[in-house]
Protein backbone atom coordinates (compact mmCIF):
# COMPACT_ATOMS: atom_id res chain seq x y z
CA UNK A 1 -58.89 -23.37 -92.31
CA UNK A 2 -55.91 -25.00 -90.63
CA UNK A 3 -56.62 -26.72 -87.31
CA UNK A 4 -54.65 -25.70 -84.25
CA UNK A 5 -52.68 -28.58 -82.76
CA UNK A 6 -51.12 -28.03 -79.37
CA UNK A 7 -48.52 -30.74 -80.10
CA UNK A 8 -46.97 -28.45 -82.71
CA UNK A 9 -45.98 -25.88 -80.10
CA UNK A 10 -42.21 -25.86 -79.58
CA UNK A 11 -40.29 -24.09 -76.87
CA UNK A 12 -36.87 -22.66 -77.52
CA UNK A 13 -34.42 -21.49 -74.89
CA UNK A 14 -33.62 -17.81 -75.37
CA UNK A 15 -30.79 -15.90 -73.74
CA UNK A 16 -31.14 -12.31 -72.58
CA UNK A 17 -28.95 -11.17 -75.50
CA UNK A 18 -31.45 -12.59 -78.01
CA UNK A 19 -34.31 -10.44 -76.69
CA UNK A 20 -34.60 -6.91 -78.03
CA UNK A 21 -35.24 -3.99 -75.68
CA UNK A 22 -38.91 -3.63 -76.58
CA UNK A 23 -39.67 -7.30 -75.90
CA UNK A 24 -37.73 -7.15 -72.63
CA UNK A 25 -39.88 -4.24 -71.40
CA UNK A 26 -43.10 -5.90 -72.58
CA UNK A 27 -42.09 -9.05 -70.70
CA UNK A 28 -41.32 -7.03 -67.56
CA UNK A 29 -44.62 -5.13 -67.56
CA UNK A 30 -46.75 -8.16 -68.51
CA UNK A 31 -45.25 -10.35 -65.79
CA UNK A 32 -45.71 -7.59 -63.20
CA UNK A 33 -49.33 -7.08 -64.30
CA UNK A 34 -50.00 -10.81 -63.99
CA UNK A 35 -48.34 -10.81 -60.56
CA UNK A 36 -50.56 -7.95 -59.41
CA UNK A 37 -53.75 -9.54 -60.76
CA UNK A 38 -52.95 -12.89 -59.14
CA UNK A 39 -52.31 -11.07 -55.86
CA UNK A 40 -55.65 -9.27 -55.99
CA UNK A 41 -57.54 -12.45 -56.90
CA UNK A 42 -55.79 -14.33 -54.09
CA UNK A 43 -56.79 -11.62 -51.60
CA UNK A 44 -60.41 -11.87 -52.82
CA UNK A 45 -60.36 -15.65 -52.32
CA UNK A 46 -59.22 -14.97 -48.76
CA UNK A 47 -62.46 -12.98 -48.32
CA UNK A 48 -60.47 -9.80 -47.71
CA UNK A 49 -60.94 -6.38 -49.22
CA UNK A 50 -57.99 -5.64 -51.56
CA UNK A 51 -58.60 -1.89 -51.18
CA UNK A 52 -57.80 -2.17 -47.47
CA UNK A 53 -54.33 -3.44 -48.40
CA UNK A 54 -53.58 -0.03 -49.86
CA UNK A 55 -55.21 2.14 -47.21
CA UNK A 56 -52.92 4.92 -46.05
CA UNK A 57 -51.75 4.31 -42.48
CA UNK A 58 -52.51 6.92 -39.83
CA UNK A 59 -48.97 6.86 -38.49
CA UNK A 60 -45.96 7.74 -40.62
CA UNK A 61 -43.76 5.24 -38.76
CA UNK A 62 -43.99 2.94 -41.80
CA UNK A 63 -41.64 5.43 -43.53
CA UNK A 64 -38.96 4.73 -40.94
CA UNK A 65 -39.41 0.98 -41.24
CA UNK A 66 -39.33 1.03 -45.05
CA UNK A 67 -36.45 3.47 -45.42
CA UNK A 68 -34.54 1.83 -42.56
CA UNK A 69 -34.78 -1.62 -44.13
CA UNK A 70 -33.82 -0.22 -47.53
CA UNK A 71 -30.73 1.47 -46.03
CA UNK A 72 -29.75 -1.75 -44.26
CA UNK A 73 -30.16 -3.86 -47.42
CA UNK A 74 -28.17 -1.38 -49.52
CA UNK A 75 -25.38 -1.32 -46.91
CA UNK A 76 -25.21 -5.13 -46.85
CA UNK A 77 -25.22 -5.24 -50.64
CA UNK A 78 -22.36 -2.73 -50.73
CA UNK A 79 -20.35 -4.91 -48.33
CA UNK A 80 -21.10 -8.08 -50.28
CA UNK A 81 -20.15 -6.48 -53.60
CA UNK A 82 -16.92 -5.26 -52.02
CA UNK A 83 -15.73 -8.67 -50.83
CA UNK A 84 -17.42 -11.18 -53.16
CA UNK A 85 -16.33 -11.67 -56.78
CA UNK A 86 -18.71 -10.08 -59.30
CA UNK A 87 -19.44 -13.37 -61.09
CA UNK A 88 -21.02 -14.76 -57.89
CA UNK A 89 -23.80 -12.18 -58.16
CA UNK A 90 -24.26 -12.70 -61.89
CA UNK A 91 -27.93 -12.85 -62.90
CA UNK A 92 -27.21 -13.56 -66.55
CA UNK A 93 -27.18 -9.88 -67.45
CA UNK A 94 -30.90 -9.33 -66.86
CA UNK A 95 -30.58 -6.39 -64.45
CA UNK A 96 -27.90 -4.85 -66.65
CA UNK A 97 -30.21 -5.01 -69.67
CA UNK A 98 -33.20 -3.68 -67.75
CA UNK A 99 -31.51 -0.68 -66.13
CA UNK A 100 -28.33 0.21 -68.02
CA UNK A 101 -29.71 2.52 -70.72
CA UNK A 102 -32.90 3.73 -69.05
CA UNK A 103 -33.59 7.35 -68.14
CA UNK A 104 -33.77 8.05 -64.40
CA UNK A 105 -37.55 8.58 -64.48
CA UNK A 106 -38.07 5.17 -66.13
CA UNK A 107 -35.94 3.41 -63.51
CA UNK A 108 -38.07 5.05 -60.80
CA UNK A 109 -41.35 4.08 -62.53
CA UNK A 110 -40.23 0.48 -63.11
CA UNK A 111 -39.07 0.18 -59.50
CA UNK A 112 -42.40 1.48 -58.19
CA UNK A 113 -44.44 -0.86 -60.41
CA UNK A 114 -42.32 -3.86 -59.43
CA UNK A 115 -42.56 -3.00 -55.73
CA UNK A 116 -46.35 -2.58 -55.76
CA UNK A 117 -47.03 -5.68 -57.86
CA UNK A 118 -44.66 -8.06 -56.07
CA UNK A 119 -45.54 -6.87 -52.58
CA UNK A 120 -49.26 -7.17 -53.33
CA UNK A 121 -48.82 -10.82 -54.24
CA UNK A 122 -46.15 -11.94 -51.79
CA UNK A 123 -46.74 -9.86 -48.66
CA UNK A 124 -50.40 -8.96 -49.22
CA UNK A 125 -51.67 -12.37 -50.34
CA UNK A 126 -49.23 -15.28 -49.99
CA UNK A 127 -47.82 -14.33 -46.60
CA UNK A 128 -51.34 -14.12 -45.19
CA UNK A 129 -51.69 -17.87 -45.83
CA UNK A 130 -48.26 -19.36 -45.25
CA UNK A 131 -46.25 -16.81 -43.26
CA UNK A 132 -43.03 -14.94 -44.05
CA UNK A 133 -40.66 -17.95 -44.06
CA UNK A 134 -42.37 -20.00 -46.78
CA UNK A 135 -43.30 -16.85 -48.67
CA UNK A 136 -39.61 -15.95 -48.77
CA UNK A 137 -38.68 -19.38 -50.10
CA UNK A 138 -41.21 -18.96 -52.92
CA UNK A 139 -39.98 -15.38 -53.52
CA UNK A 140 -36.38 -16.63 -53.84
CA UNK A 141 -37.39 -19.42 -56.22
CA UNK A 142 -39.41 -16.99 -58.37
CA UNK A 143 -36.22 -14.93 -58.79
CA UNK A 144 -34.81 -17.90 -60.65
CA UNK A 145 -31.98 -15.97 -62.29
CA UNK A 146 -30.19 -15.84 -58.94
CA UNK A 147 -30.47 -19.55 -58.15
CA UNK A 148 -27.13 -20.42 -59.76
CA UNK A 149 -25.27 -18.94 -56.80
CA UNK A 150 -26.09 -19.35 -53.12
CA UNK A 151 -25.09 -15.83 -52.02
CA UNK A 152 -27.65 -13.91 -54.15
CA UNK A 153 -30.27 -16.58 -53.42
CA UNK A 154 -29.63 -16.15 -49.70
CA UNK A 155 -29.79 -12.37 -50.04
CA UNK A 156 -33.10 -12.51 -51.92
CA UNK A 157 -34.53 -14.86 -49.27
CA UNK A 158 -33.28 -12.62 -46.43
CA UNK A 159 -34.61 -9.45 -48.04
CA UNK A 160 -37.97 -11.10 -48.61
CA UNK A 161 -38.13 -12.28 -45.01
CA UNK A 162 -37.25 -8.78 -43.79
CA UNK A 163 -39.98 -7.30 -46.03
CA UNK A 164 -42.44 -9.77 -44.49
CA UNK A 165 -41.26 -8.90 -41.01
CA UNK A 166 -41.74 -5.15 -41.44
CA UNK A 167 -45.16 -5.85 -42.93
CA UNK A 168 -46.07 -7.66 -39.70
CA UNK A 169 -44.54 -4.93 -37.51
CA UNK A 170 -46.24 -2.01 -39.28
CA UNK A 171 -49.48 -3.73 -40.35
CA UNK A 172 -49.34 -1.82 -43.63
CA UNK A 173 -48.28 -2.95 -47.08
CA UNK A 174 -46.76 0.49 -47.68
CA UNK A 175 -43.70 -0.30 -45.54
CA UNK A 176 -42.49 -3.25 -47.66
CA UNK A 177 -43.54 -1.44 -50.85
CA UNK A 178 -41.44 1.57 -49.87
CA UNK A 179 -38.43 -0.58 -48.94
CA UNK A 180 -38.71 -2.67 -52.13
CA UNK A 181 -39.06 0.48 -54.25
CA UNK A 182 -36.02 2.22 -52.75
CA UNK A 183 -33.85 -0.92 -52.97
CA UNK A 184 -34.72 -1.55 -56.63
CA UNK A 185 -34.43 2.10 -57.60
CA UNK A 186 -31.03 2.63 -55.97
CA UNK A 187 -29.72 -0.65 -57.44
CA UNK A 188 -31.05 0.46 -60.82
CA UNK A 189 -29.27 3.81 -60.48
CA UNK A 190 -26.05 2.01 -59.52
CA UNK A 191 -26.26 -0.11 -62.68
CA UNK A 192 -27.23 2.92 -64.79
CA UNK A 193 -24.39 5.17 -63.62
CA UNK A 194 -21.71 2.58 -62.91
CA UNK A 195 -18.50 3.44 -64.72
CA UNK A 196 -17.14 0.88 -67.09
CA UNK A 197 -13.79 -0.42 -65.94
């Protein structure tokens, strides 16, 4: 039997074009699952009940906060895309590959999973320890594909901070989850149905 030697492990840089569709989806769902699990474990280490994070609020005002923030973000994104060259917002083609050829239902499902998993970790767990500012810095760094340009990095930071702010205002994780879901889903639909020039 051949012995396993960790020194024989080699890493190779892979571009988005070298990953097939199946592997791209596996990567997306695995990373989101890991994000969710880390968030739940972090909440447990804070001696908090993770089920309380997902309790349904008595007031429906969180809907206004979530949908209002989503509308604001989408309006700002529309303005930015109107006046800023497209290459400034380039993420290396990742979003294009994820959303371009997906059915509408799959875009909605992916957006919901991403919103729940990322908000559980960042708003539900991390923000509880270090506040919305530092959480937003980490959130922007995690979205590494945007770091090549300052405008998308600034937008990701600002959106994250706004998500943290509405979480504080509403005291429910459902407000940032709703906003995150609507933003991702609408952006996914825009990519999916955008006409080729």
